[in-house]
Amino acid sequence: AKASNSQPKFGIVTWHTEGFNQRGEAVIAFRRTNLVRRRAG
């Protein structure tokens, strides 16, 4: 996770998700960002 500048105990994670139909064609794709607590150490 990339460290958050404003909240050092948290990191920024970006997820990319894709969905395909039965023919293997991409029918949805999106990216989302979450703030997650970072591990100590």
N, C-alpha and C. Protein backbone atom coordinates (compact mmCIF):
# COMPACT_ATOMS: atom_id res chain seq x y z
N ALA A 1 0.84 -1.18 0.00
CA ALA A 1 0.00 0.00 0.00
C ALA A 1 0.88 1.24 0.00
N LYS A 2 0.45 2.23 -0.73
CA LYS A 2 1.15 3.51 -0.74
C LYS A 2 0.76 4.25 0.53
N ALA A 3 1.73 4.79 1.25
CA ALA A 3 1.45 5.49 2.50
C ALA A 3 0.61 6.74 2.23
N SER A 4 -0.35 6.96 3.11
CA SER A 4 -1.17 8.16 3.02
C SER A 4 -0.40 9.33 3.62
N ASN A 5 -0.35 10.46 2.94
CA ASN A 5 0.36 11.63 3.46
C ASN A 5 -0.34 12.23 4.66
N SER A 6 -1.66 12.21 4.68
CA SER A 6 -2.41 12.84 5.76
C SER A 6 -2.65 11.91 6.95
N GLN A 7 -2.59 10.59 6.72
CA GLN A 7 -2.84 9.62 7.79
C GLN A 7 -1.78 8.52 7.70
N PRO A 8 -0.61 8.71 8.33
CA PRO A 8 0.51 7.79 8.17
C PRO A 8 0.24 6.34 8.60
N LYS A 9 -0.75 6.10 9.44
CA LYS A 9 -1.06 4.73 9.87
C LYS A 9 -1.88 3.98 8.82
N PHE A 10 -2.22 4.67 7.75
CA PHE A 10 -3.04 4.08 6.70
C PHE A 10 -2.31 4.12 5.36
N GLY A 11 -2.73 3.24 4.48
CA GLY A 11 -2.18 3.21 3.14
C GLY A 11 -3.30 3.25 2.12
N ILE A 12 -2.94 3.61 0.90
CA ILE A 12 -3.89 3.71 -0.19
C ILE A 12 -3.69 2.53 -1.12
N VAL A 13 -4.75 1.77 -1.35
CA VAL A 13 -4.70 0.61 -2.23
C VAL A 13 -5.67 0.84 -3.38
N THR A 14 -5.21 0.62 -4.60
CA THR A 14 -6.07 0.75 -5.78
C THR A 14 -6.35 -0.64 -6.34
N TRP A 15 -7.62 -0.96 -6.54
CA TRP A 15 -8.06 -2.25 -7.05
C TRP A 15 -8.58 -2.06 -8.47
N HIS A 16 -8.28 -2.99 -9.34
CA HIS A 16 -8.83 -2.98 -10.70
C HIS A 16 -9.60 -4.28 -10.88
N THR A 17 -10.85 -4.15 -11.27
CA THR A 17 -11.73 -5.32 -11.42
C THR A 17 -12.30 -5.35 -12.84
N GLU A 18 -12.33 -6.54 -13.42
CA GLU A 18 -12.90 -6.72 -14.75
C GLU A 18 -13.88 -7.89 -14.71
N GLY A 19 -14.95 -7.79 -15.47
CA GLY A 19 -15.91 -8.88 -15.58
C GLY A 19 -16.11 -9.23 -17.05
N PHE A 20 -16.27 -10.53 -17.31
CA PHE A 20 -16.39 -11.03 -18.68
C PHE A 20 -17.66 -11.86 -18.83
N ASN A 21 -18.24 -11.83 -20.02
CA ASN A 21 -19.41 -12.67 -20.28
C ASN A 21 -18.96 -14.06 -20.74
N GLN A 22 -19.93 -14.89 -21.09
CA GLN A 22 -19.64 -16.27 -21.45
C GLN A 22 -18.84 -16.40 -22.75
N ARG A 23 -18.78 -15.33 -23.54
CA ARG A 23 -17.98 -15.34 -24.77
C ARG A 23 -16.57 -14.78 -24.55
N GLY A 24 -16.26 -14.45 -23.31
CA GLY A 24 -14.94 -13.93 -23.00
C GLY A 24 -14.77 -12.45 -23.29
N GLU A 25 -15.88 -11.77 -23.55
CA GLU A 25 -15.84 -10.34 -23.84
C GLU A 25 -15.93 -9.55 -22.55
N ALA A 26 -15.11 -8.52 -22.43
CA ALA A 26 -15.16 -7.66 -21.25
C ALA A 26 -16.48 -6.89 -21.26
N VAL A 27 -17.23 -6.98 -20.17
CA VAL A 27 -18.52 -6.28 -20.09
C VAL A 27 -18.53 -5.22 -19.00
N ILE A 28 -17.55 -5.27 -18.12
CA ILE A 28 -17.44 -4.25 -17.08
C ILE A 28 -15.98 -4.17 -16.64
N ALA A 29 -15.55 -2.97 -16.35
CA ALA A 29 -14.21 -2.76 -15.80
C ALA A 29 -14.27 -1.50 -14.95
N PHE A 30 -13.73 -1.59 -13.76
CA PHE A 30 -13.69 -0.40 -12.91
C PHE A 30 -12.49 -0.44 -11.98
N ARG A 31 -12.14 0.72 -11.49
CA ARG A 31 -11.02 0.88 -10.57
C ARG A 31 -11.56 1.57 -9.33
N ARG A 32 -11.15 1.10 -8.17
CA ARG A 32 -11.57 1.75 -6.93
C ARG A 32 -10.37 1.90 -6.01
N THR A 33 -10.46 2.84 -5.12
CA THR A 33 -9.36 3.14 -4.20
C THR A 33 -9.89 3.02 -2.78
N ASN A 34 -9.13 2.34 -1.92
CA ASN A 34 -9.51 2.17 -0.53
C ASN A 34 -8.38 2.64 0.38
N LEU A 35 -8.77 3.11 1.55
CA LEU A 35 -7.83 3.48 2.60
C LEU A 35 -7.81 2.32 3.59
N VAL A 36 -6.64 1.71 3.82
CA VAL A 36 -6.54 0.55 4.70
C VAL A 36 -5.47 0.78 5.76
N ARG A 37 -5.68 0.17 6.92
CA ARG A 37 -4.70 0.29 8.00
C ARG A 37 -3.44 -0.46 7.61
N ARG A 38 -2.28 0.17 7.83
CA ARG A 38 -1.00 -0.46 7.50
C ARG A 38 -0.53 -1.33 8.66
N ARG A 39 0.24 -2.36 8.34
CA ARG A 39 0.81 -3.24 9.36
C ARG A 39 1.96 -2.53 10.07
N ALA A 40 2.13 -2.85 11.34
CA ALA A 40 3.26 -2.31 12.09
C ALA A 40 4.55 -2.93 11.57
N GLY A 41 5.62 -2.14 11.55
CA GLY A 41 6.92 -2.67 11.14
C GLY A 41 7.14 -2.47 9.72
